[in-house]
Amino acid sequence: MDPTSVLLLCLLCFLLLLLLKQSYGKGTLPPGPTPLPIIGNILQLNINISKAVCNLAKIYGSIFTVYLGMRPVVVLHGYETVKEALIDHGEEFSGRGVSPVIDKSHQGMGILFSNGEIWKQMRRFSLMTLRNFGMGKRSIEDRIQEEARCLVEALRQTKASPCDPTFILSCAPCNVICSIIFKNRFEYDDKCFLNIMEKFNENFKIVSSPWIQICNMFPIFTNIFPGSHNRYLKNKHELHDFVLEKVKEHQESLDINNPQDFIDCFLIQMEKEKHNQYSKFFIENLIITVRNFFVAGTETVSSTLRYGILLLLKHPEVTAKVQEEIDRVVGRHRSPCMQDRNSMPYTDAVVHEIQRYIDLLPTSLPHAVTQDIKFRGYLIPKGTTILTSLTSVLHDNKEFPNPDQFDPGHFLDESGNFKKSDYFMAFSAGKRVCAGESLARMELFLFLTTILQNFTLKSLVDPRDLDTTSITQGFASVPPFYKLCFVPA
């Protein structure tokens, strides 16, 4: 037999072994599309994973298995299945799934992409500290209102001329986080601040790109090929250095009897546990935890604001009704407050509908099961990655008639009162629900109402010609680029 034939035979045997390994590894995992050797179901999933998942659910039902490369991933589709997993079996589904590119920069630390004891301690400590600094209380509301006034002044500086709102709308929520983490805020024209905003925005787009999806399926690519993953890691490194510098400043000025912000509290806990060799409180974990706060508290809120304003431009009749409600309840001579929300059902419905419609994180962050679990007749092994289709919940056509249409009526009853929905999982659900949900809800309501109280939104094109389709639909739904004029009211 000639060398070429031997090589081809060996390759064929190798591919067959891989296929057998995939089939054997399924055990009692839910059925799904047949994976190809090495590449798995990449051809069925295509670029838009969320849409592909919804199409596969029509064939395989509410729970099925796909292969991202050679890695099996169990997909949960539909409200009942997602609720049963994340809420009814919250502890078992509370692990964080594998995301190789992101994991490379987190190293199992922080809150967002950690697991086990380190995740439990960081989440518990972070929630307690955030509450101590006012999250969910009047004190944090005062900070957001003050930042909203700064945002209004920055928008006034545009003098009603066409502008890209990306960075201005990023600065406001980032400053709220800065006030909690660093004790102070930045001016909107601060070069260091703008550089941070640029890194956040760029990385949010990068992790939502098709290339990163491919790198997560085949991690070896990150070591072989150039690409945007290198830019992502470079940005992370620069943010790491920025936070490290702030930590050093805090170490020099620390007063253990009078902590001023989150970093101070973390450093004090470090001192308390300095003799505990198993302590989870160390500098690198602090830096990554702070970075998590920035990502979760800045880019998600700013993207929602940016997408929300685009939808309000697209639907001027909705904007007019919101502004009428603001004039009637708040007026023009004081800042909107959270207490106003109870008297503003239409505005509240609009804020919820923006989040539902844009479907910011279509498949959320990947979960993982923390132990072998029997779920809906299948045995899912410990460590298996779980993908939850939030799209299937937020766009459920029984709960939200015509789910692909932007309609605040989805959250209003027949009398025009605000109507809650268990299907509203924009912040996910269960043990891994967004730790800053109450803060984000405050920010979205106060920032949007303050903007609409002070400005008329003017589109540069006919509203009917505005495209509201997301430019990336991987990890996150990123709004398309647009400009508008903020005309003082």
Protein backbone atom coordinates (compact mmCIF):
# COMPACT_ATOMS: atom_id res chain seq x y z
CA MET A 1 0.00 0.00 0.00
CA ASP A 2 1.44 3.37 -1.03
CA PRO A 3 2.09 6.11 1.60
CA THR A 4 -0.82 8.25 0.35
CA SER A 5 -3.30 5.40 0.82
CA VAL A 6 -1.92 4.70 4.29
CA LEU A 7 -2.30 8.36 5.22
CA LEU A 8 -5.88 8.49 3.93
CA LEU A 9 -6.74 5.27 5.78
CA CYS A 10 -5.30 6.63 9.03
CA LEU A 11 -7.23 9.86 8.58
CA LEU A 12 -10.45 7.93 7.95
CA CYS A 13 -9.90 5.83 11.07
CA PHE A 14 -9.22 8.97 13.08
CA LEU A 15 -12.44 10.60 11.89
CA LEU A 16 -14.43 7.43 12.67
CA LEU A 17 -12.95 7.35 16.17
CA LEU A 18 -13.97 10.95 16.71
CA LEU A 19 -17.50 10.20 15.53
CA LEU A 20 -17.70 7.18 17.84
CA LYS A 21 -16.42 9.28 20.72
CA GLN A 22 -19.12 11.90 20.08
CA SER A 23 -21.83 9.26 19.87
CA TYR A 24 -20.58 7.43 22.97
CA GLY A 25 -20.23 10.66 24.89
CA LYS A 26 -23.91 11.46 24.42
CA GLY A 27 -24.99 8.85 26.97
CA THR A 28 -28.56 9.86 27.74
CA LEU A 29 -28.22 13.45 26.57
CA PRO A 30 -31.24 14.75 24.64
CA PRO A 31 -31.22 13.94 20.92
CA GLY A 32 -30.32 16.58 18.38
CA PRO A 33 -28.91 17.01 14.89
CA THR A 34 -26.19 14.51 13.99
CA PRO A 35 -22.77 16.12 14.45
CA LEU A 36 -20.00 15.85 11.91
CA PRO A 37 -16.55 14.75 13.10
CA ILE A 38 -14.49 17.60 14.56
CA ILE A 39 -16.77 20.44 13.43
CA GLY A 40 -19.91 19.17 15.18
CA ASN A 41 -23.08 21.06 14.24
CA ILE A 42 -21.41 24.25 13.07
CA LEU A 43 -23.15 24.02 9.67
CA GLN A 44 -26.62 23.86 11.26
CA LEU A 45 -25.90 26.64 13.75
CA ASN A 46 -24.57 29.08 11.17
CA ILE A 47 -23.70 32.64 12.29
CA ASN A 48 -26.96 33.52 14.06
CA ILE A 49 -27.00 30.87 16.81
CA SER A 50 -30.17 32.21 18.42
CA LYS A 51 -32.17 31.94 15.20
CA ALA A 52 -30.66 28.53 14.42
CA VAL A 53 -31.62 27.28 17.90
CA CYS A 54 -35.22 28.38 17.37
CA ASN A 55 -35.34 26.54 14.05
CA LEU A 56 -33.86 23.37 15.57
CA ALA A 57 -36.42 23.53 18.40
CA LYS A 58 -39.18 23.11 15.80
CA ILE A 59 -37.65 19.72 14.97
CA TYR A 60 -36.25 18.49 18.29
CA GLY A 61 -38.49 20.16 20.85
CA SER A 62 -37.73 22.16 23.97
CA ILE A 63 -34.52 20.33 24.94
CA PHE A 64 -31.88 19.00 22.56
CA THR A 65 -28.14 18.62 22.14
CA VAL A 66 -25.85 20.33 19.66
CA TYR A 67 -22.10 20.03 19.30
CA LEU A 68 -19.93 23.14 19.25
CA GLY A 69 -16.96 21.49 17.65
CA MET A 70 -16.53 18.31 19.72
CA ARG A 71 -18.16 19.75 22.84
CA PRO A 72 -21.79 18.73 23.58
CA VAL A 73 -24.10 21.57 24.60
CA VAL A 74 -27.64 21.02 25.86
CA VAL A 75 -30.07 23.68 24.61
CA LEU A 76 -33.13 24.71 26.63
CA HIS A 77 -35.90 26.33 24.60
CA GLY A 78 -39.18 27.86 25.77
CA TYR A 79 -40.37 29.39 29.03
CA GLU A 80 -41.42 26.19 30.82
CA THR A 81 -38.12 24.41 30.16
CA VAL A 82 -35.94 27.44 30.99
CA LYS A 83 -37.94 28.11 34.19
CA GLU A 84 -37.77 24.47 35.29
CA ALA A 85 -33.99 24.46 34.88
CA LEU A 86 -32.92 27.89 36.12
CA ILE A 87 -35.52 28.35 38.90
CA ASP A 88 -36.91 24.97 39.96
CA HIS A 89 -33.45 23.34 39.69
CA GLY A 90 -31.49 26.54 40.22
CA GLU A 91 -28.62 25.05 42.20
CA GLU A 92 -27.95 22.24 39.73
CA PHE A 93 -27.93 24.65 36.75
CA SER A 94 -25.94 27.40 38.49
CA GLY A 95 -22.55 26.56 36.96
CA ARG A 96 -20.92 28.74 34.32
CA GLY A 97 -20.32 27.06 30.99
CA VAL A 98 -17.15 27.13 28.92
CA SER A 99 -16.29 30.20 26.81
CA PRO A 100 -12.63 29.61 25.90
CA VAL A 101 -11.80 33.10 24.60
CA ILE A 102 -13.38 34.88 27.57
CA ASP A 103 -12.12 32.27 30.05
CA LYS A 104 -8.58 33.03 28.89
CA SER A 105 -8.82 36.53 30.33
CA HIS A 106 -10.72 35.56 33.50
CA GLN A 107 -8.81 32.48 34.66
CA GLY A 108 -11.76 31.28 36.74
CA MET A 109 -11.92 34.47 38.83
CA GLY A 110 -14.45 37.28 39.31
CA ILE A 111 -18.22 36.83 39.24
CA LEU A 112 -19.37 36.42 35.65
CA PHE A 113 -17.26 33.46 34.53
CA SER A 114 -16.24 31.78 37.79
CA ASN A 115 -17.58 28.61 39.38
CA GLY A 116 -17.82 26.88 42.73
CA GLU A 117 -16.70 28.49 45.95
CA ILE A 118 -14.97 31.46 44.33
CA TRP A 119 -18.19 32.40 42.52
CA LYS A 120 -20.33 31.97 45.62
CA GLN A 121 -18.05 34.11 47.77
CA MET A 122 -17.58 36.85 45.17
CA ARG A 123 -21.30 37.09 44.43
CA ARG A 124 -22.27 37.11 48.12
CA PHE A 125 -19.62 39.71 49.01
CA SER A 126 -20.44 41.88 45.98
CA LEU A 127 -24.20 41.92 46.61
CA MET A 128 -23.67 42.77 50.28
CA THR A 129 -21.21 45.57 49.44
CA LEU A 130 -23.38 47.00 46.68
CA ARG A 131 -26.35 47.11 49.06
CA ASN A 132 -24.21 48.84 51.70
CA PHE A 133 -23.36 51.49 49.12
CA GLY A 134 -27.00 52.02 48.25
CA MET A 135 -28.02 49.61 45.47
CA GLY A 136 -31.80 49.46 45.54
CA LYS A 137 -31.95 52.41 47.94
CA ARG A 138 -32.54 56.14 47.71
CA SER A 139 -28.81 56.91 47.92
CA ILE A 140 -28.01 55.17 44.64
CA GLU A 141 -31.06 56.78 43.08
CA ASP A 142 -29.59 60.18 43.98
CA ARG A 143 -26.35 59.23 42.23
CA ILE A 144 -28.21 58.18 39.08
CA GLN A 145 -30.28 61.37 39.07
CA GLU A 146 -27.13 63.47 39.40
CA GLU A 147 -25.51 61.56 36.55
CA ALA A 148 -28.67 61.99 34.48
CA ARG A 149 -28.33 65.77 34.89
CA CYS A 150 -24.70 65.53 33.75
CA LEU A 151 -25.87 63.49 30.76
CA VAL A 152 -28.42 66.18 29.86
CA GLU A 153 -25.72 68.87 29.97
CA ALA A 154 -23.47 66.77 27.73
CA LEU A 155 -26.33 66.34 25.25
CA ARG A 156 -26.99 70.07 25.31
CA GLN A 157 -23.40 70.61 24.22
CA THR A 158 -24.24 68.91 20.91
CA LYS A 159 -26.35 72.03 20.16
CA ALA A 160 -29.03 69.96 18.41
CA SER A 161 -26.59 68.98 15.66
CA PRO A 162 -26.34 65.39 14.37
CA CYS A 163 -24.36 63.15 16.73
CA ASP A 164 -23.51 59.53 17.37
CA PRO A 165 -24.88 58.83 20.88
CA THR A 166 -22.65 55.79 21.55
CA PHE A 167 -20.05 57.29 23.86
CA ILE A 168 -22.28 59.81 25.63
CA LEU A 169 -24.77 57.07 26.52
CA SER A 170 -21.90 54.84 27.70
CA CYS A 171 -20.45 57.50 29.98
CA ALA A 172 -23.54 57.84 32.17
CA PRO A 173 -23.92 54.23 33.38
CA CYS A 174 -20.15 53.83 33.59
CA ASN A 175 -19.93 56.82 35.93
CA VAL A 176 -22.56 55.29 38.19
CA ILE A 177 -20.40 52.17 38.46
CA CYS A 178 -17.29 54.33 38.98
CA SER A 179 -18.96 56.09 41.90
CA ILE A 180 -19.51 52.71 43.57
CA ILE A 181 -16.16 51.14 42.66
CA PHE A 182 -13.81 54.16 42.75
CA LYS A 183 -15.84 56.68 44.76
CA ASN A 184 -15.57 59.28 41.99
CA ARG A 185 -16.77 59.94 38.47
CA PHE A 186 -15.11 61.18 35.28
CA GLU A 187 -15.88 64.15 33.06
CA TYR A 188 -17.31 63.10 29.71
CA ASP A 189 -14.37 64.58 27.81
CA ASP A 190 -11.71 62.93 29.98
CA LYS A 191 -9.32 61.15 27.58
CA CYS A 192 -8.71 58.23 29.94
CA PHE A 193 -12.45 57.81 30.42
CA LEU A 194 -13.14 57.90 26.68
CA ASN A 195 -10.40 55.31 26.13
CA ILE A 196 -12.10 52.99 28.62
CA MET A 197 -15.44 53.48 26.88
CA GLU A 198 -13.85 52.66 23.53
CA LYS A 199 -12.38 49.41 24.90
CA PHE A 200 -15.73 48.34 26.38
CA ASN A 201 -17.64 49.09 23.21
CA GLU A 202 -15.10 47.39 20.95
CA ASN A 203 -14.94 44.24 23.09
CA PHE A 204 -18.74 44.00 23.26
CA LYS A 205 -18.82 43.91 19.46
CA ILE A 206 -15.88 41.50 19.23
CA VAL A 207 -17.38 38.86 21.55
CA SER A 208 -20.57 39.01 19.48
CA SER A 209 -18.76 38.39 16.19
CA PRO A 210 -18.83 35.12 14.20
CA TRP A 211 -15.05 34.77 14.57
CA ILE A 212 -15.24 34.60 18.36
CA GLN A 213 -17.98 31.99 18.08
CA ILE A 214 -15.63 29.91 15.92
CA CYS A 215 -12.75 30.43 18.38
CA ASN A 216 -14.98 29.26 21.25
CA MET A 217 -15.76 26.11 19.29
CA PHE A 218 -12.12 25.53 18.31
CA PRO A 219 -9.92 27.18 20.98
CA ILE A 220 -6.73 26.05 19.24
CA PHE A 221 -7.42 28.69 16.59
CA THR A 222 -6.58 31.42 19.11
CA ASN A 223 -3.01 30.11 19.27
CA ILE A 224 -2.61 29.63 15.52
CA PHE A 225 -4.42 32.39 13.66
CA PRO A 226 -4.43 36.17 14.02
CA GLY A 227 -7.80 37.79 14.52
CA SER A 228 -10.04 39.98 16.64
CA HIS A 229 -9.54 37.66 19.64
CA ASN A 230 -6.08 39.18 20.01
CA ARG A 231 -7.57 42.67 20.02
CA TYR A 232 -10.10 41.56 22.63
CA LEU A 233 -7.35 40.22 24.91
CA LYS A 234 -5.21 43.36 24.36
CA ASN A 235 -8.14 45.56 25.42
CA LYS A 236 -8.68 43.37 28.48
CA HIS A 237 -5.02 43.77 29.39
CA GLU A 238 -5.25 47.56 29.17
CA LEU A 239 -8.37 47.57 31.35
CA HIS A 240 -6.56 45.29 33.78
CA ASP A 241 -3.70 47.81 34.07
CA PHE A 242 -6.16 50.67 34.57
CA VAL A 243 -7.93 48.89 37.44
CA LEU A 244 -4.60 47.80 38.97
CA GLU A 245 -3.47 51.42 39.11
CA LYS A 246 -6.69 52.37 40.91
CA VAL A 247 -6.20 49.51 43.37
CA LYS A 248 -2.67 50.73 44.17
CA GLU A 249 -4.02 54.23 44.83
CA HIS A 250 -6.61 52.74 47.20
CA GLN A 251 -3.96 50.71 49.04
CA GLU A 252 -2.06 53.91 49.80
CA SER A 253 -5.08 55.85 51.06
CA LEU A 254 -7.02 53.01 52.74
CA ASP A 255 -8.72 53.75 56.08
CA ILE A 256 -9.95 50.40 57.38
CA ASN A 257 -12.41 52.17 59.70
CA ASN A 258 -13.96 54.23 56.92
CA PRO A 259 -14.27 52.37 53.59
CA GLN A 260 -15.26 54.70 50.76
CA ASP A 261 -16.06 52.30 47.94
CA PHE A 262 -16.05 48.71 46.73
CA ILE A 263 -12.28 48.49 46.36
CA ASP A 264 -11.77 49.66 49.94
CA CYS A 265 -14.17 47.00 51.21
CA PHE A 266 -12.40 44.28 49.22
CA LEU A 267 -8.98 45.35 50.50
CA ILE A 268 -10.28 45.29 54.09
CA GLN A 269 -11.61 41.76 53.56
CA MET A 270 -8.22 40.78 52.15
CA GLU A 271 -6.58 41.99 55.35
CA LYS A 272 -9.05 40.03 57.47
CA GLU A 273 -8.29 36.83 55.57
CA LYS A 274 -4.55 37.31 55.06
CA HIS A 275 -3.73 34.21 57.14
CA ASN A 276 -6.27 32.02 55.31
CA GLN A 277 -4.38 30.12 52.62
CA TYR A 278 -7.69 29.27 50.92
CA SER A 279 -8.97 32.85 50.84
CA LYS A 280 -10.62 34.00 47.64
CA PHE A 281 -9.77 37.62 48.41
CA PHE A 282 -6.58 38.55 46.55
CA ILE A 283 -5.54 41.33 44.17
CA GLU A 284 -6.04 39.52 40.86
CA ASN A 285 -9.53 38.42 41.87
CA LEU A 286 -10.33 42.01 42.87
CA ILE A 287 -9.19 43.32 39.47
CA ILE A 288 -11.25 40.79 37.51
CA THR A 289 -14.30 41.34 39.74
CA VAL A 290 -14.09 45.10 39.12
CA ARG A 291 -13.76 44.47 35.38
CA ASN A 292 -16.90 42.33 35.58
CA PHE A 293 -18.76 45.21 37.20
CA PHE A 294 -17.70 47.52 34.40
CA VAL A 295 -18.77 45.13 31.66
CA ALA A 296 -22.08 44.13 33.27
CA GLY A 297 -22.89 47.63 34.51
CA THR A 298 -21.76 49.73 31.58
CA GLU A 299 -22.00 48.14 28.16
CA THR A 300 -25.27 46.27 28.72
CA VAL A 301 -27.08 49.37 30.02
CA SER A 302 -25.57 51.71 27.41
CA SER A 303 -26.40 49.30 24.56
CA THR A 304 -29.98 49.07 25.81
CA LEU A 305 -30.22 52.87 26.02
CA ARG A 306 -28.77 53.26 22.53
CA TYR A 307 -31.08 50.62 21.09
CA GLY A 308 -34.02 52.11 23.00
CA ILE A 309 -33.51 55.59 21.58
CA LEU A 310 -33.29 54.10 18.08
CA LEU A 311 -36.66 52.38 18.63
CA LEU A 312 -38.16 55.63 19.92
CA LEU A 313 -36.92 57.38 16.77
CA LYS A 314 -38.51 54.60 14.71
CA HIS A 315 -41.81 54.93 16.58
CA PRO A 316 -42.46 58.67 17.18
CA GLU A 317 -46.05 57.94 18.27
CA VAL A 318 -44.66 55.93 21.21
CA THR A 319 -42.21 58.71 22.09
CA ALA A 320 -45.02 61.27 22.07
CA LYS A 321 -47.08 59.22 24.52
CA VAL A 322 -44.11 58.78 26.86
CA GLN A 323 -43.39 62.53 26.80
CA GLU A 324 -47.04 63.31 27.47
CA GLU A 325 -46.93 61.04 30.52
CA ILE A 326 -43.69 62.67 31.71
CA ASP A 327 -45.22 66.15 31.36
CA ARG A 328 -48.32 65.08 33.27
CA VAL A 329 -46.61 63.21 36.13
CA VAL A 330 -43.18 64.85 36.46
CA GLY A 331 -43.44 68.19 34.70
CA ARG A 332 -40.40 70.20 33.61
CA HIS A 333 -39.13 71.61 36.90
CA ARG A 334 -37.82 68.54 38.76
CA SER A 335 -35.93 65.37 37.95
CA PRO A 336 -37.85 62.11 37.42
CA CYS A 337 -37.58 59.68 40.36
CA MET A 338 -38.34 56.02 40.84
CA GLN A 339 -41.52 56.81 42.75
CA ASP A 340 -42.88 58.33 39.52
CA ARG A 341 -42.77 54.93 37.84
CA ASN A 342 -45.90 53.80 39.73
CA SER A 343 -47.80 56.65 38.09
CA MET A 344 -46.27 56.12 34.63
CA PRO A 345 -47.50 52.72 33.40
CA TYR A 346 -46.97 53.51 29.72
CA THR A 347 -43.36 54.62 30.22
CA ASP A 348 -42.71 51.56 32.38
CA ALA A 349 -44.17 49.38 29.63
CA VAL A 350 -41.95 51.05 27.03
CA VAL A 351 -38.79 50.41 29.07
CA HIS A 352 -39.75 46.75 29.45
CA GLU A 353 -40.70 46.43 25.79
CA ILE A 354 -37.34 47.86 24.70
CA GLN A 355 -35.55 45.17 26.70
CA ARG A 356 -37.88 42.43 25.48
CA TYR A 357 -37.72 43.46 21.83
CA ILE A 358 -33.95 43.94 21.52
CA ASP A 359 -33.23 40.60 23.24
CA LEU A 360 -29.79 41.87 24.26
CA LEU A 361 -28.29 38.49 25.26
CA PRO A 362 -30.21 35.98 23.09
CA THR A 363 -28.74 32.86 24.69
CA SER A 364 -27.59 34.52 27.91
CA LEU A 365 -24.17 33.54 29.26
CA PRO A 366 -23.57 29.77 29.07
CA HIS A 367 -24.61 27.78 32.13
CA ALA A 368 -23.31 24.39 33.25
CA VAL A 369 -24.73 21.70 35.50
CA THR A 370 -22.91 21.40 38.83
CA GLN A 371 -23.73 17.69 39.22
CA ASP A 372 -25.18 14.77 37.27
CA ILE A 373 -28.88 15.53 36.98
CA LYS A 374 -31.95 13.71 35.65
CA PHE A 375 -33.85 16.39 33.75
CA ARG A 376 -36.94 15.78 31.65
CA GLY A 377 -36.06 12.13 31.21
CA TYR A 378 -32.42 12.70 30.26
CA LEU A 379 -29.25 12.29 32.32
CA ILE A 380 -27.08 15.37 31.92
CA PRO A 381 -23.52 14.77 33.20
CA LYS A 382 -21.82 17.19 35.59
CA GLY A 383 -20.01 19.99 33.77
CA THR A 384 -22.14 19.85 30.62
CA THR A 385 -22.59 23.30 29.08
CA ILE A 386 -26.19 24.53 28.99
CA LEU A 387 -27.45 27.11 26.51
CA THR A 388 -30.69 28.86 27.53
CA SER A 389 -32.64 30.47 24.73
CA LEU A 390 -33.88 33.73 26.26
CA THR A 391 -35.15 34.63 22.78
CA SER A 392 -37.70 31.81 23.02
CA VAL A 393 -38.99 33.31 26.29
CA LEU A 394 -38.90 37.02 25.44
CA HIS A 395 -40.39 36.37 21.99
CA ASP A 396 -42.97 33.76 23.01
CA ASN A 397 -45.93 34.41 20.68
CA LYS A 398 -48.55 33.30 23.23
CA GLU A 399 -47.35 35.62 25.99
CA PHE A 400 -46.44 38.42 23.56
CA PRO A 401 -48.69 38.44 20.46
CA ASN A 402 -46.70 39.50 17.38
CA PRO A 403 -43.43 39.24 19.31
CA ASP A 404 -41.32 40.58 16.45
CA GLN A 405 -43.15 43.91 16.60
CA PHE A 406 -42.21 46.69 19.00
CA ASP A 407 -45.40 47.16 21.01
CA PRO A 408 -45.55 48.56 24.58
CA GLY A 409 -49.02 47.01 24.77
CA HIS A 410 -47.28 43.72 25.55
CA PHE A 411 -46.90 45.06 29.11
CA LEU A 412 -50.27 46.83 29.49
CA ASP A 413 -53.65 45.42 30.49
CA GLU A 414 -56.98 46.44 28.99
CA SER A 415 -57.22 49.38 31.40
CA GLY A 416 -53.79 50.72 30.47
CA ASN A 417 -52.16 49.60 33.73
CA PHE A 418 -48.71 48.08 33.73
CA LYS A 419 -48.84 44.28 33.46
CA LYS A 420 -46.01 42.15 34.84
CA SER A 421 -44.94 39.02 32.99
CA ASP A 422 -43.06 35.98 34.29
CA TYR A 423 -41.69 35.70 30.76
CA PHE A 424 -39.66 38.89 31.18
CA MET A 425 -36.22 37.30 31.60
CA ALA A 426 -34.08 40.08 30.15
CA PHE A 427 -31.76 39.67 33.16
CA SER A 428 -31.89 35.84 32.98
CA ALA A 429 -33.26 33.99 36.03
CA GLY A 430 -32.32 31.77 38.94
CA LYS A 431 -29.01 31.65 40.81
CA ARG A 432 -27.15 33.35 37.96
CA VAL A 433 -29.60 36.20 37.46
CA CYS A 434 -27.82 39.53 36.90
CA ALA A 435 -26.48 40.74 40.26
CA GLY A 436 -27.03 44.36 39.22
CA GLU A 437 -30.61 43.95 38.00
CA SER A 438 -32.13 46.51 40.40
CA LEU A 439 -29.41 49.04 39.52
CA ALA A 440 -29.91 48.52 35.78
CA ARG A 441 -33.69 48.91 36.09
CA MET A 442 -33.20 52.22 37.92
CA GLU A 443 -30.73 53.50 35.36
CA LEU A 444 -32.83 52.61 32.32
CA PHE A 445 -35.95 54.27 33.72
CA LEU A 446 -34.24 57.42 35.05
CA PHE A 447 -31.90 58.00 32.11
CA LEU A 448 -34.58 57.51 29.46
CA THR A 449 -37.21 59.64 31.20
CA THR A 450 -34.70 62.43 31.91
CA ILE A 451 -33.59 62.49 28.26
CA LEU A 452 -37.19 62.60 26.99
CA GLN A 453 -38.09 65.24 29.58
CA ASN A 454 -35.43 67.57 28.20
CA PHE A 455 -35.14 66.76 24.51
CA THR A 456 -37.08 66.03 21.37
CA LEU A 457 -35.46 63.22 19.41
CA LYS A 458 -35.00 64.14 15.76
CA SER A 459 -34.14 61.49 13.19
CA LEU A 460 -31.96 62.39 10.20
CA VAL A 461 -34.08 60.21 7.92
CA ASP A 462 -37.73 59.30 7.65
CA PRO A 463 -38.47 57.10 10.71
CA ARG A 464 -39.94 54.47 8.40
CA ASP A 465 -36.51 54.09 6.78
CA LEU A 466 -34.67 53.44 10.04
CA ASP A 467 -33.26 49.93 10.29
CA THR A 468 -33.45 48.50 13.82
CA THR A 469 -31.88 45.14 12.94
CA SER A 470 -28.97 44.14 15.16
CA ILE A 471 -25.59 44.28 13.42
CA THR A 472 -24.36 41.21 15.34
CA GLN A 473 -26.42 38.38 16.73
CA GLY A 474 -23.92 36.17 18.47
CA PHE A 475 -23.29 36.66 22.18
CA ALA A 476 -25.15 40.00 22.16
CA SER A 477 -27.51 41.99 19.95
CA VAL A 478 -25.60 45.16 19.07
CA PRO A 479 -27.67 48.06 17.70
CA PRO A 480 -26.77 49.42 14.25
CA PHE A 481 -24.91 52.71 13.89
CA TYR A 482 -27.10 55.80 13.65
CA LYS A 483 -27.05 59.53 14.31
CA LEU A 484 -29.75 61.84 15.63
CA CYS A 485 -30.31 65.34 16.95
CA PHE A 486 -31.15 66.02 20.60
CA VAL A 487 -33.31 69.16 20.26
CA PRO A 488 -33.87 70.93 23.61
CA ALA A 489 -37.54 70.78 24.59
